[in-house]
Amino acid sequence: LSNRRIWANTAPHFPDGICQDGDGGVWIADPVNHCVARFVEGGEITDK
């Protein structure tokens, strides 16, 4: 692994388990805020 960088700041969300979709999104499960949210690179939330 190389070129470490932040793909998305998720605060105030705490990302636990995650999965990805074919449109470039990453879904995070957040146990603290009781939700699942979809992030795209840069940190935008598109779905919750």
All heavy atoms as atom14 arrays in JSON, in Angstrom:
{
  "sequence": "LSNRRIWANTAPHFPDGICQDGDGGVWIADPVNHCVARFVEGGEITDK",
  "atom14_mask": [
    [1, 1, 1, 1, 1, 1, 1, 1, 0, 0, 0, 0, 0, 0],
    [1, 1, 1, 1, 1, 1, 0, 0, 0, 0, 0, 0, 0, 0],
    [1, 1, 1, 1, 1, 1, 1, 1, 0, 0, 0, 0, 0, 0],
    [1, 1, 1, 1, 1, 1, 1, 1, 1, 1, 1, 0, 0, 0],
    [1, 1, 1, 1, 1, 1, 1, 1, 1, 1, 1, 0, 0, 0],
    [1, 1, 1, 1, 1, 1, 1, 1, 0, 0, 0, 0, 0, 0],
    [1, 1, 1, 1, 1, 1, 1, 1, 1, 1, 1, 1, 1, 1],
    [1, 1, 1, 1, 1, 0, 0, 0, 0, 0, 0, 0, 0, 0],
    [1, 1, 1, 1, 1, 1, 1, 1, 0, 0, 0, 0, 0, 0],
    [1, 1, 1, 1, 1, 1, 1, 0, 0, 0, 0, 0, 0, 0],
    [1, 1, 1, 1, 1, 0, 0, 0, 0, 0, 0, 0, 0, 0],
    [1, 1, 1, 1, 1, 1, 1, 0, 0, 0, 0, 0, 0, 0],
    [1, 1, 1, 1, 1, 1, 1, 1, 1, 1, 0, 0, 0, 0],
    [1, 1, 1, 1, 1, 1, 1, 1, 1, 1, 1, 0, 0, 0],
    [1, 1, 1, 1, 1, 1, 1, 0, 0, 0, 0, 0, 0, 0],
    [1, 1, 1, 1, 1, 1, 1, 1, 0, 0, 0, 0, 0, 0],
    [1, 1, 1, 1, 0, 0, 0, 0, 0, 0, 0, 0, 0, 0],
    [1, 1, 1, 1, 1, 1, 1, 1, 0, 0, 0, 0, 0, 0],
    [1, 1, 1, 1, 1, 1, 0, 0, 0, 0, 0, 0, 0, 0],
    [1, 1, 1, 1, 1, 1, 1, 1, 1, 0, 0, 0, 0, 0],
    [1, 1, 1, 1, 1, 1, 1, 1, 0, 0, 0, 0, 0, 0],
    [1, 1, 1, 1, 0, 0, 0, 0, 0, 0, 0, 0, 0, 0],
    [1, 1, 1, 1, 1, 1, 1, 1, 0, 0, 0, 0, 0, 0],
    [1, 1, 1, 1, 0, 0, 0, 0, 0, 0, 0, 0, 0, 0],
    [1, 1, 1, 1, 0, 0, 0, 0, 0, 0, 0, 0, 0, 0],
    [1, 1, 1, 1, 1, 1, 1, 0, 0, 0, 0, 0, 0, 0],
    [1, 1, 1, 1, 1, 1, 1, 1, 1, 1, 1, 1, 1, 1],
    [1, 1, 1, 1, 1, 1, 1, 1, 0, 0, 0, 0, 0, 0],
    [1, 1, 1, 1, 1, 0, 0, 0, 0, 0, 0, 0, 0, 0],
    [1, 1, 1, 1, 1, 1, 1, 1, 0, 0, 0, 0, 0, 0],
    [1, 1, 1, 1, 1, 1, 1, 0, 0, 0, 0, 0, 0, 0],
    [1, 1, 1, 1, 1, 1, 1, 0, 0, 0, 0, 0, 0, 0],
    [1, 1, 1, 1, 1, 1, 1, 1, 0, 0, 0, 0, 0, 0],
    [1, 1, 1, 1, 1, 1, 1, 1, 1, 1, 0, 0, 0, 0],
    [1, 1, 1, 1, 1, 1, 0, 0, 0, 0, 0, 0, 0, 0],
    [1, 1, 1, 1, 1, 1, 1, 0, 0, 0, 0, 0, 0, 0],
    [1, 1, 1, 1, 1, 0, 0, 0, 0, 0, 0, 0, 0, 0],
    [1, 1, 1, 1, 1, 1, 1, 1, 1, 1, 1, 0, 0, 0],
    [1, 1, 1, 1, 1, 1, 1, 1, 1, 1, 1, 0, 0, 0],
    [1, 1, 1, 1, 1, 1, 1, 0, 0, 0, 0, 0, 0, 0],
    [1, 1, 1, 1, 1, 1, 1, 1, 1, 0, 0, 0, 0, 0],
    [1, 1, 1, 1, 0, 0, 0, 0, 0, 0, 0, 0, 0, 0],
    [1, 1, 1, 1, 0, 0, 0, 0, 0, 0, 0, 0, 0, 0],
    [1, 1, 1, 1, 1, 1, 1, 1, 1, 0, 0, 0, 0, 0],
    [1, 1, 1, 1, 1, 1, 1, 1, 0, 0, 0, 0, 0, 0],
    [1, 1, 1, 1, 1, 1, 1, 0, 0, 0, 0, 0, 0, 0],
    [1, 1, 1, 1, 1, 1, 1, 1, 0, 0, 0, 0, 0, 0],
    [1, 1, 1, 1, 1, 1, 1, 1, 1, 0, 0, 0, 0, 0]
  ],
  "atom14_positions": [
    [[0.83, -1.2, 0.0], [0.0, 0.0, 0.0], [0.87, 1.25, 0.0], [1.92, 1.29, 0.65], [-0.91, 0.01, 1.23], [-1.83, -1.2, 1.43], [-2.71, -0.98, 2.66], [-2.69, -1.46, 0.19], [0.0, 0.0, 0.0], [0.0, 0.0, 0.0], [0.0, 0.0, 0.0], [0.0, 0.0, 0.0], [0.0, 0.0, 0.0], [0.0, 0.0, 0.0]],
    [[0.41, 2.28, -0.72], [1.16, 3.54, -0.78], [0.19, 4.69, -1.03], [-1.02, 4.5, -1.22], [2.19, 3.49, -1.9], [1.56, 3.37, -3.17], [0.0, 0.0, 0.0], [0.0, 0.0, 0.0], [0.0, 0.0, 0.0], [0.0, 0.0, 0.0], [0.0, 0.0, 0.0], [0.0, 0.0, 0.0], [0.0, 0.0, 0.0], [0.0, 0.0, 0.0]],
    [[0.74, 5.91, -1.02], [-0.03, 7.13, -1.31], [-1.26, 7.24, -0.42], [-2.38, 7.43, -0.88], [-0.42, 7.18, -2.78], [-1.01, 8.54, -3.18], [-0.73, 9.55, -2.54], [-1.82, 8.55, -4.23], [0.0, 0.0, 0.0], [0.0, 0.0, 0.0], [0.0, 0.0, 0.0], [0.0, 0.0, 0.0], [0.0, 0.0, 0.0], [0.0, 0.0, 0.0]],
    [[-1.02, 7.16, 0.86], [-2.11, 7.28, 1.82], [-2.72, 8.68, 1.76], [-2.03, 9.68, 1.76], [-1.57, 7.01, 3.23], [-2.6, 7.15, 4.34], [-1.98, 6.74, 5.66], [-2.93, 6.8, 6.75], [-2.71, 6.24, 7.94], [-1.57, 5.59, 8.16], [-3.63, 6.3, 8.89], [0.0, 0.0, 0.0], [0.0, 0.0, 0.0], [0.0, 0.0, 0.0]],
    [[-4.05, 8.74, 1.74], [-4.74, 10.03, 1.76], [-6.16, 9.84, 2.29], [-6.68, 8.71, 2.31], [-4.79, 10.7, 0.4], [-5.65, 10.03, -0.66], [-4.88, 9.04, -1.48], [-5.59, 8.6, -2.68], [-5.22, 7.52, -3.38], [-4.19, 6.78, -2.98], [-5.89, 7.2, -4.47], [0.0, 0.0, 0.0], [0.0, 0.0, 0.0], [0.0, 0.0, 0.0]],
    [[-6.77, 10.93, 2.69], [-8.16, 10.89, 3.16], [-9.08, 10.88, 1.95], [-9.04, 11.79, 1.12], [-8.47, 12.09, 4.08], [-7.62, 11.99, 5.36], [-9.95, 12.11, 4.44], [-7.77, 13.19, 6.28], [0.0, 0.0, 0.0], [0.0, 0.0, 0.0], [0.0, 0.0, 0.0], [0.0, 0.0, 0.0], [0.0, 0.0, 0.0], [0.0, 0.0, 0.0]],
    [[-9.88, 9.84, 1.85], [-10.83, 9.72, 0.75], [-12.09, 10.52, 1.06], [-12.67, 11.14, 0.17], [-11.15, 8.24, 0.53], [-11.89, 7.91, -0.72], [-11.36, 7.7, -1.97], [-13.31, 7.73, -0.86], [-12.34, 7.41, -2.87], [-13.55, 7.41, -2.22], [-14.38, 7.79, 0.02], [-14.84, 7.16, -2.7], [-15.66, 7.55, -0.45], [-15.88, 7.24, -1.81]],
    [[-12.49, 10.47, 2.34], [-13.65, 11.26, 2.78], [-13.58, 11.45, 4.28], [-13.35, 10.49, 5.02], [-14.97, 10.58, 2.4], [0.0, 0.0, 0.0], [0.0, 0.0, 0.0], [0.0, 0.0, 0.0], [0.0, 0.0, 0.0], [0.0, 0.0, 0.0], [0.0, 0.0, 0.0], [0.0, 0.0, 0.0], [0.0, 0.0, 0.0], [0.0, 0.0, 0.0]],
    [[-13.74, 12.68, 4.73], [-14.0, 12.93, 6.14], [-15.47, 12.61, 6.4], [-16.34, 13.11, 5.69], [-13.71, 14.39, 6.49], [-12.23, 14.66, 6.65], [-11.57, 14.01, 7.44], [-11.71, 15.62, 5.9], [0.0, 0.0, 0.0], [0.0, 0.0, 0.0], [0.0, 0.0, 0.0], [0.0, 0.0, 0.0], [0.0, 0.0, 0.0], [0.0, 0.0, 0.0]],
    [[-15.74, 11.78, 7.39], [-17.12, 11.36, 7.62], [-17.76, 12.02, 8.84], [-18.93, 11.81, 9.1], [-17.2, 9.83, 7.8], [-16.44, 9.45, 8.97], [-16.65, 9.11, 6.58], [0.0, 0.0, 0.0], [0.0, 0.0, 0.0], [0.0, 0.0, 0.0], [0.0, 0.0, 0.0], [0.0, 0.0, 0.0], [0.0, 0.0, 0.0], [0.0, 0.0, 0.0]],
    [[-17.0, 12.81, 9.6], [-17.55, 13.45, 10.81], [-18.82, 14.24, 10.46], [-18.88, 14.89, 9.42], [-16.51, 14.38, 11.41], [0.0, 0.0, 0.0], [0.0, 0.0, 0.0], [0.0, 0.0, 0.0], [0.0, 0.0, 0.0], [0.0, 0.0, 0.0], [0.0, 0.0, 0.0], [0.0, 0.0, 0.0], [0.0, 0.0, 0.0], [0.0, 0.0, 0.0]],
    [[-19.85, 14.12, 11.3], [-19.86, 13.52, 12.64], [-20.14, 12.01, 12.65], [-20.4, 11.44, 13.71], [-21.02, 14.26, 13.32], [-21.99, 14.48, 12.19], [-21.14, 14.78, 10.99], [0.0, 0.0, 0.0], [0.0, 0.0, 0.0], [0.0, 0.0, 0.0], [0.0, 0.0, 0.0], [0.0, 0.0, 0.0], [0.0, 0.0, 0.0], [0.0, 0.0, 0.0]],
    [[-20.08, 11.39, 11.5], [-20.37, 9.96, 11.43], [-19.12, 9.12, 11.75], [-18.0, 9.48, 11.37], [-20.9, 9.59, 10.05], [-22.22, 10.23, 9.74], [-23.4, 9.79, 10.3], [-22.55, 11.28, 8.95], [-24.4, 10.54, 9.86], [-23.91, 11.45, 9.05], [0.0, 0.0, 0.0], [0.0, 0.0, 0.0], [0.0, 0.0, 0.0], [0.0, 0.0, 0.0]],
    [[-19.37, 7.98, 12.43], [-18.31, 7.05, 12.8], [-18.44, 5.82, 11.89], [-19.33, 4.99, 12.09], [-18.45, 6.62, 14.26], [-18.14, 7.7, 15.25], [-19.05, 8.71, 15.52], [-16.92, 7.72, 15.92], [-18.77, 9.72, 16.45], [-16.63, 8.71, 16.85], [-17.55, 9.71, 17.11], [0.0, 0.0, 0.0], [0.0, 0.0, 0.0], [0.0, 0.0, 0.0]],
    [[-17.57, 5.66, 10.91], [-17.7, 4.53, 9.99], [-17.25, 3.22, 10.63], [-16.13, 3.11, 11.12], [-16.8, 4.92, 8.83], [-15.73, 5.77, 9.45], [-16.42, 6.52, 10.57], [0.0, 0.0, 0.0], [0.0, 0.0, 0.0], [0.0, 0.0, 0.0], [0.0, 0.0, 0.0], [0.0, 0.0, 0.0], [0.0, 0.0, 0.0], [0.0, 0.0, 0.0]],
    [[-18.12, 2.25, 10.63], [-17.81, 0.91, 11.14], [-17.62, 0.01, 9.92], [-16.69, 0.18, 9.14], [-18.92, 0.43, 12.07], [-18.51, -0.76, 12.92], [-17.85, -1.67, 12.4], [-18.89, -0.79, 14.1], [0.0, 0.0, 0.0], [0.0, 0.0, 0.0], [0.0, 0.0, 0.0], [0.0, 0.0, 0.0], [0.0, 0.0, 0.0], [0.0, 0.0, 0.0]],
    [[-18.52, -0.95, 9.68], [-18.44, -1.74, 8.47], [-18.82, -0.92, 7.26], [-19.63, 0.02, 7.35], [0.0, 0.0, 0.0], [0.0, 0.0, 0.0], [0.0, 0.0, 0.0], [0.0, 0.0, 0.0], [0.0, 0.0, 0.0], [0.0, 0.0, 0.0], [0.0, 0.0, 0.0], [0.0, 0.0, 0.0], [0.0, 0.0, 0.0], [0.0, 0.0, 0.0]],
    [[-18.22, -1.24, 6.1], [-18.5, -0.48, 4.89], [-18.65, -1.42, 3.7], [-18.25, -2.58, 3.74], [-17.39, 0.56, 4.58], [-16.07, -0.13, 4.19], [-17.17, 1.49, 5.76], [-14.97, 0.84, 3.75], [0.0, 0.0, 0.0], [0.0, 0.0, 0.0], [0.0, 0.0, 0.0], [0.0, 0.0, 0.0], [0.0, 0.0, 0.0], [0.0, 0.0, 0.0]],
    [[-19.26, -0.91, 2.63], [-19.32, -1.63, 1.36], [-19.3, -0.6, 0.25], [-19.46, 0.6, 0.49], [-20.54, -2.54, 1.27], [-22.14, -1.69, 1.19], [0.0, 0.0, 0.0], [0.0, 0.0, 0.0], [0.0, 0.0, 0.0], [0.0, 0.0, 0.0], [0.0, 0.0, 0.0], [0.0, 0.0, 0.0], [0.0, 0.0, 0.0], [0.0, 0.0, 0.0]],
    [[-19.1, -1.05, -0.97], [-19.01, -0.11, -2.1], [-20.05, -0.45, -3.15], [-20.58, -1.56, -3.2], [-17.61, -0.17, -2.71], [-17.23, -1.54, -3.26], [-15.83, -1.58, -3.84], [-15.38, -0.62, -4.47], [-15.12, -2.68, -3.65], [0.0, 0.0, 0.0], [0.0, 0.0, 0.0], [0.0, 0.0, 0.0], [0.0, 0.0, 0.0], [0.0, 0.0, 0.0]],
    [[-20.33, 0.55, -4.0], [-21.24, 0.31, -5.12], [-20.55, 0.64, -6.44], [-19.45, 1.21, -6.46], [-22.55, 1.07, -4.95], [-22.4, 2.59, -4.94], [-21.69, 3.12, -5.8], [-23.0, 3.25, -4.07], [0.0, 0.0, 0.0], [0.0, 0.0, 0.0], [0.0, 0.0, 0.0], [0.0, 0.0, 0.0], [0.0, 0.0, 0.0], [0.0, 0.0, 0.0]],
    [[-21.19, 0.27, -7.52], [-20.6, 0.43, -8.83], [-20.57, 1.84, -9.36], [-20.0, 2.1, -10.43], [0.0, 0.0, 0.0], [0.0, 0.0, 0.0], [0.0, 0.0, 0.0], [0.0, 0.0, 0.0], [0.0, 0.0, 0.0], [0.0, 0.0, 0.0], [0.0, 0.0, 0.0], [0.0, 0.0, 0.0], [0.0, 0.0, 0.0], [0.0, 0.0, 0.0]],
    [[-21.16, 2.79, -8.63], [-21.15, 4.18, -9.04], [-20.14, 5.01, -8.27], [-20.2, 6.24, -8.29], [-22.55, 4.77, -8.87], [-23.55, 4.16, -9.83], [-23.38, 4.38, -11.05], [-24.47, 3.46, -9.38], [0.0, 0.0, 0.0], [0.0, 0.0, 0.0], [0.0, 0.0, 0.0], [0.0, 0.0, 0.0], [0.0, 0.0, 0.0], [0.0, 0.0, 0.0]],
    [[-19.23, 4.33, -7.58], [-18.16, 5.03, -6.89], [-18.46, 5.43, -5.48], [-17.66, 6.13, -4.84], [0.0, 0.0, 0.0], [0.0, 0.0, 0.0], [0.0, 0.0, 0.0], [0.0, 0.0, 0.0], [0.0, 0.0, 0.0], [0.0, 0.0, 0.0], [0.0, 0.0, 0.0], [0.0, 0.0, 0.0], [0.0, 0.0, 0.0], [0.0, 0.0, 0.0]],
    [[-19.58, 5.01, -4.93], [-19.94, 5.35, -3.57], [-19.49, 4.31, -2.57], [-19.35, 3.13, -2.89], [0.0, 0.0, 0.0], [0.0, 0.0, 0.0], [0.0, 0.0, 0.0], [0.0, 0.0, 0.0], [0.0, 0.0, 0.0], [0.0, 0.0, 0.0], [0.0, 0.0, 0.0], [0.0, 0.0, 0.0], [0.0, 0.0, 0.0], [0.0, 0.0, 0.0]],
    [[-19.25, 4.75, -1.34], [-18.95, 3.86, -0.22], [-20.01, 4.08, 0.84], [-20.24, 5.21, 1.29], [-17.55, 4.12, 0.36], [-17.33, 3.3, 1.63], [-16.47, 3.76, -0.67], [0.0, 0.0, 0.0], [0.0, 0.0, 0.0], [0.0, 0.0, 0.0], [0.0, 0.0, 0.0], [0.0, 0.0, 0.0], [0.0, 0.0, 0.0], [0.0, 0.0, 0.0]],
    [[-20.67, 2.99, 1.23], [-21.71, 3.02, 2.26], [-21.06, 2.69, 3.6], [-20.29, 1.73, 3.7], [-22.79, 2.0, 1.96], [-23.55, 2.25, 0.7], [-23.14, 2.01, -0.59], [-24.87, 2.8, 0.58], [-24.1, 2.37, -1.49], [-25.19, 2.85, -0.81], [-25.82, 3.24, 1.51], [-26.41, 3.33, -1.27], [-27.03, 3.71, 1.04], [-27.32, 3.76, -0.33]],
    [[-21.37, 3.49, 4.61], [-20.84, 3.23, 5.95], [-22.0, 2.94, 6.9], [-23.06, 3.55, 6.82], [-20.02, 4.41, 6.48], [-20.91, 5.61, 6.83], [-18.93, 4.82, 5.48], [-20.3, 6.59, 7.79], [0.0, 0.0, 0.0], [0.0, 0.0, 0.0], [0.0, 0.0, 0.0], [0.0, 0.0, 0.0], [0.0, 0.0, 0.0], [0.0, 0.0, 0.0]],
    [[-21.78, 2.0, 7.8], [-22.69, 1.78, 8.92], [-22.17, 2.6, 10.1], [-20.98, 2.52, 10.43], [-22.76, 0.3, 9.27], [0.0, 0.0, 0.0], [0.0, 0.0, 0.0], [0.0, 0.0, 0.0], [0.0, 0.0, 0.0], [0.0, 0.0, 0.0], [0.0, 0.0, 0.0], [0.0, 0.0, 0.0], [0.0, 0.0, 0.0], [0.0, 0.0, 0.0]],
    [[-23.03, 3.38, 10.7], [-22.64, 4.27, 11.8], [-23.4, 3.86, 13.07], [-24.59, 4.15, 13.2], [-22.95, 5.71, 11.42], [-22.6, 6.71, 12.52], [-22.18, 6.29, 13.61], [-22.75, 7.92, 12.28], [0.0, 0.0, 0.0], [0.0, 0.0, 0.0], [0.0, 0.0, 0.0], [0.0, 0.0, 0.0], [0.0, 0.0, 0.0], [0.0, 0.0, 0.0]],
    [[-22.72, 3.21, 14.03], [-23.42, 2.77, 15.24], [-23.76, 3.91, 16.18], [-24.69, 3.8, 16.98], [-22.42, 1.81, 15.89], [-21.08, 2.26, 15.39], [-21.31, 2.77, 14.0], [0.0, 0.0, 0.0], [0.0, 0.0, 0.0], [0.0, 0.0, 0.0], [0.0, 0.0, 0.0], [0.0, 0.0, 0.0], [0.0, 0.0, 0.0], [0.0, 0.0, 0.0]],
    [[-23.05, 5.01, 16.1], [-23.27, 6.12, 17.03], [-24.49, 6.93, 16.63], [-25.31, 7.3, 17.47], [-22.02, 7.02, 17.09], [-22.27, 8.23, 18.0], [-20.81, 6.23, 17.59], [0.0, 0.0, 0.0], [0.0, 0.0, 0.0], [0.0, 0.0, 0.0], [0.0, 0.0, 0.0], [0.0, 0.0, 0.0], [0.0, 0.0, 0.0], [0.0, 0.0, 0.0]],
    [[-24.63, 7.18, 15.34], [-25.72, 8.02, 14.85], [-26.88, 7.21, 14.27], [-27.79, 7.79, 13.66], [-25.19, 9.0, 13.82], [-24.25, 10.02, 14.43], [-24.67, 10.9, 15.18], [-22.95, 9.87, 14.15], [0.0, 0.0, 0.0], [0.0, 0.0, 0.0], [0.0, 0.0, 0.0], [0.0, 0.0, 0.0], [0.0, 0.0, 0.0], [0.0, 0.0, 0.0]],
    [[-26.86, 5.89, 14.43], [-27.98, 5.02, 14.1], [-28.42, 5.18, 12.65], [-29.6, 5.43, 12.37], [-29.16, 5.27, 15.04], [-28.86, 5.0, 16.47], [-29.82, 5.05, 17.45], [-27.71, 4.67, 17.11], [-29.28, 4.76, 18.63], [-27.98, 4.53, 18.44], [0.0, 0.0, 0.0], [0.0, 0.0, 0.0], [0.0, 0.0, 0.0], [0.0, 0.0, 0.0]],
    [[-27.46, 5.0, 11.74], [-27.81, 5.17, 10.34], [-26.8, 4.46, 9.45], [-25.76, 3.98, 9.91], [-27.88, 6.65, 9.97], [-26.28, 7.49, 9.99], [0.0, 0.0, 0.0], [0.0, 0.0, 0.0], [0.0, 0.0, 0.0], [0.0, 0.0, 0.0], [0.0, 0.0, 0.0], [0.0, 0.0, 0.0], [0.0, 0.0, 0.0], [0.0, 0.0, 0.0]],
    [[-27.13, 4.41, 8.18], [-26.19, 4.03, 7.12], [-26.16, 5.2, 6.15], [-27.21, 5.74, 5.79], [-26.64, 2.74, 6.41], [-25.75, 2.44, 5.22], [-26.61, 1.56, 7.38], [0.0, 0.0, 0.0], [0.0, 0.0, 0.0], [0.0, 0.0, 0.0], [0.0, 0.0, 0.0], [0.0, 0.0, 0.0], [0.0, 0.0, 0.0], [0.0, 0.0, 0.0]],
    [[-24.96, 5.61, 5.74], [-24.84, 6.75, 4.85], [-23.92, 6.41, 3.69], [-22.96, 5.66, 3.84], [-24.29, 7.96, 5.61], [0.0, 0.0, 0.0], [0.0, 0.0, 0.0], [0.0, 0.0, 0.0], [0.0, 0.0, 0.0], [0.0, 0.0, 0.0], [0.0, 0.0, 0.0], [0.0, 0.0, 0.0], [0.0, 0.0, 0.0], [0.0, 0.0, 0.0]],
    [[-24.23, 6.98, 2.54], [-23.41, 6.78, 1.33], [-22.56, 8.03, 1.08], [-23.08, 9.12, 0.94], [-24.3, 6.51, 0.11], [-23.52, 6.28, -1.19], [-24.47, 6.07, -2.37], [-23.74, 5.75, -3.59], [-23.35, 6.64, -4.51], [-23.62, 7.93, -4.32], [-22.7, 6.26, -5.59], [0.0, 0.0, 0.0], [0.0, 0.0, 0.0], [0.0, 0.0, 0.0]],
    [[-21.25, 7.81, 1.02], [-20.31, 8.89, 0.76], [-19.7, 8.71, -0.63], [-19.52, 7.59, -1.11], [-19.17, 8.87, 1.78], [-19.54, 9.42, 3.13], [-20.21, 8.61, 4.05], [-19.23, 10.72, 3.48], [-20.55, 9.1, 5.3], [-19.58, 11.22, 4.73], [-20.24, 10.41, 5.64], [0.0, 0.0, 0.0], [0.0, 0.0, 0.0], [0.0, 0.0, 0.0]],
    [[-19.37, 9.83, -1.26], [-18.55, 9.82, -2.47], [-17.23, 10.49, -2.12], [-17.11, 11.19, -1.09], [-19.24, 10.51, -3.65], [-20.46, 9.72, -4.09], [-19.62, 11.94, -3.31], [0.0, 0.0, 0.0], [0.0, 0.0, 0.0], [0.0, 0.0, 0.0], [0.0, 0.0, 0.0], [0.0, 0.0, 0.0], [0.0, 0.0, 0.0], [0.0, 0.0, 0.0]],
    [[-16.23, 10.28, -2.97], [-14.9, 10.83, -2.69], [-14.98, 12.33, -2.49], [-15.62, 13.05, -3.27], [-13.95, 10.49, -3.82], [-12.51, 10.87, -3.53], [-11.53, 10.39, -4.57], [-11.99, 9.87, -5.62], [-10.31, 10.52, -4.34], [0.0, 0.0, 0.0], [0.0, 0.0, 0.0], [0.0, 0.0, 0.0], [0.0, 0.0, 0.0], [0.0, 0.0, 0.0]],
    [[-14.35, 12.79, -1.43], [-14.41, 14.2, -1.06], [-15.28, 14.45, 0.14], [-15.16, 15.49, 0.8], [0.0, 0.0, 0.0], [0.0, 0.0, 0.0], [0.0, 0.0, 0.0], [0.0, 0.0, 0.0], [0.0, 0.0, 0.0], [0.0, 0.0, 0.0], [0.0, 0.0, 0.0], [0.0, 0.0, 0.0], [0.0, 0.0, 0.0], [0.0, 0.0, 0.0]],
    [[-16.19, 13.51, 0.46], [-16.96, 13.6, 1.69], [-18.43, 13.95, 1.57], [-19.12, 14.03, 2.59], [0.0, 0.0, 0.0], [0.0, 0.0, 0.0], [0.0, 0.0, 0.0], [0.0, 0.0, 0.0], [0.0, 0.0, 0.0], [0.0, 0.0, 0.0], [0.0, 0.0, 0.0], [0.0, 0.0, 0.0], [0.0, 0.0, 0.0], [0.0, 0.0, 0.0]],
    [[-18.94, 14.11, 0.36], [-20.37, 14.42, 0.21], [-21.21, 13.19, 0.56], [-20.9, 12.08, 0.14], [-20.68, 14.86, -1.21], [-22.16, 15.16, -1.46], [-22.48, 15.42, -2.91], [-21.56, 15.42, -3.75], [-23.68, 15.6, -3.21], [0.0, 0.0, 0.0], [0.0, 0.0, 0.0], [0.0, 0.0, 0.0], [0.0, 0.0, 0.0], [0.0, 0.0, 0.0]],
    [[-22.29, 13.41, 1.29], [-23.27, 12.36, 1.58], [-24.39, 12.47, 0.55], [-25.02, 13.51, 0.42], [-23.84, 12.49, 3.0], [-22.74, 12.29, 4.05], [-24.96, 11.47, 3.22], [-23.22, 12.5, 5.47], [0.0, 0.0, 0.0], [0.0, 0.0, 0.0], [0.0, 0.0, 0.0], [0.0, 0.0, 0.0], [0.0, 0.0, 0.0], [0.0, 0.0, 0.0]],
    [[-24.61, 11.39, -0.18], [-25.67, 11.4, -1.2], [-26.94, 10.71, -0.74], [-28.02, 11.0, -1.26], [-25.18, 10.72, -2.48], [-24.93, 9.33, -2.2], [-23.92, 11.37, -3.02], [0.0, 0.0, 0.0], [0.0, 0.0, 0.0], [0.0, 0.0, 0.0], [0.0, 0.0, 0.0], [0.0, 0.0, 0.0], [0.0, 0.0, 0.0], [0.0, 0.0, 0.0]],
    [[-26.82, 9.79, 0.2], [-27.97, 9.01, 0.68], [-27.77, 8.72, 2.16], [-26.64, 8.52, 2.62], [-28.1, 7.69, -0.08], [-28.32, 7.87, -1.57], [-27.33, 8.14, -2.28], [-29.46, 7.73, -2.02], [0.0, 0.0, 0.0], [0.0, 0.0, 0.0], [0.0, 0.0, 0.0], [0.0, 0.0, 0.0], [0.0, 0.0, 0.0], [0.0, 0.0, 0.0]],
    [[-28.89, 8.65, 2.88], [-28.82, 8.33, 4.3], [-30.05, 7.54, 4.7], [-31.18, 7.92, 4.34], [-28.71, 9.61, 5.14], [-28.45, 9.4, 6.61], [-28.22, 10.75, 7.29], [-27.96, 10.61, 8.76], [-27.76, 11.93, 9.41], [0.0, 0.0, 0.0], [0.0, 0.0, 0.0], [0.0, 0.0, 0.0], [0.0, 0.0, 0.0], [0.0, 0.0, 0.0]]
  ]
}
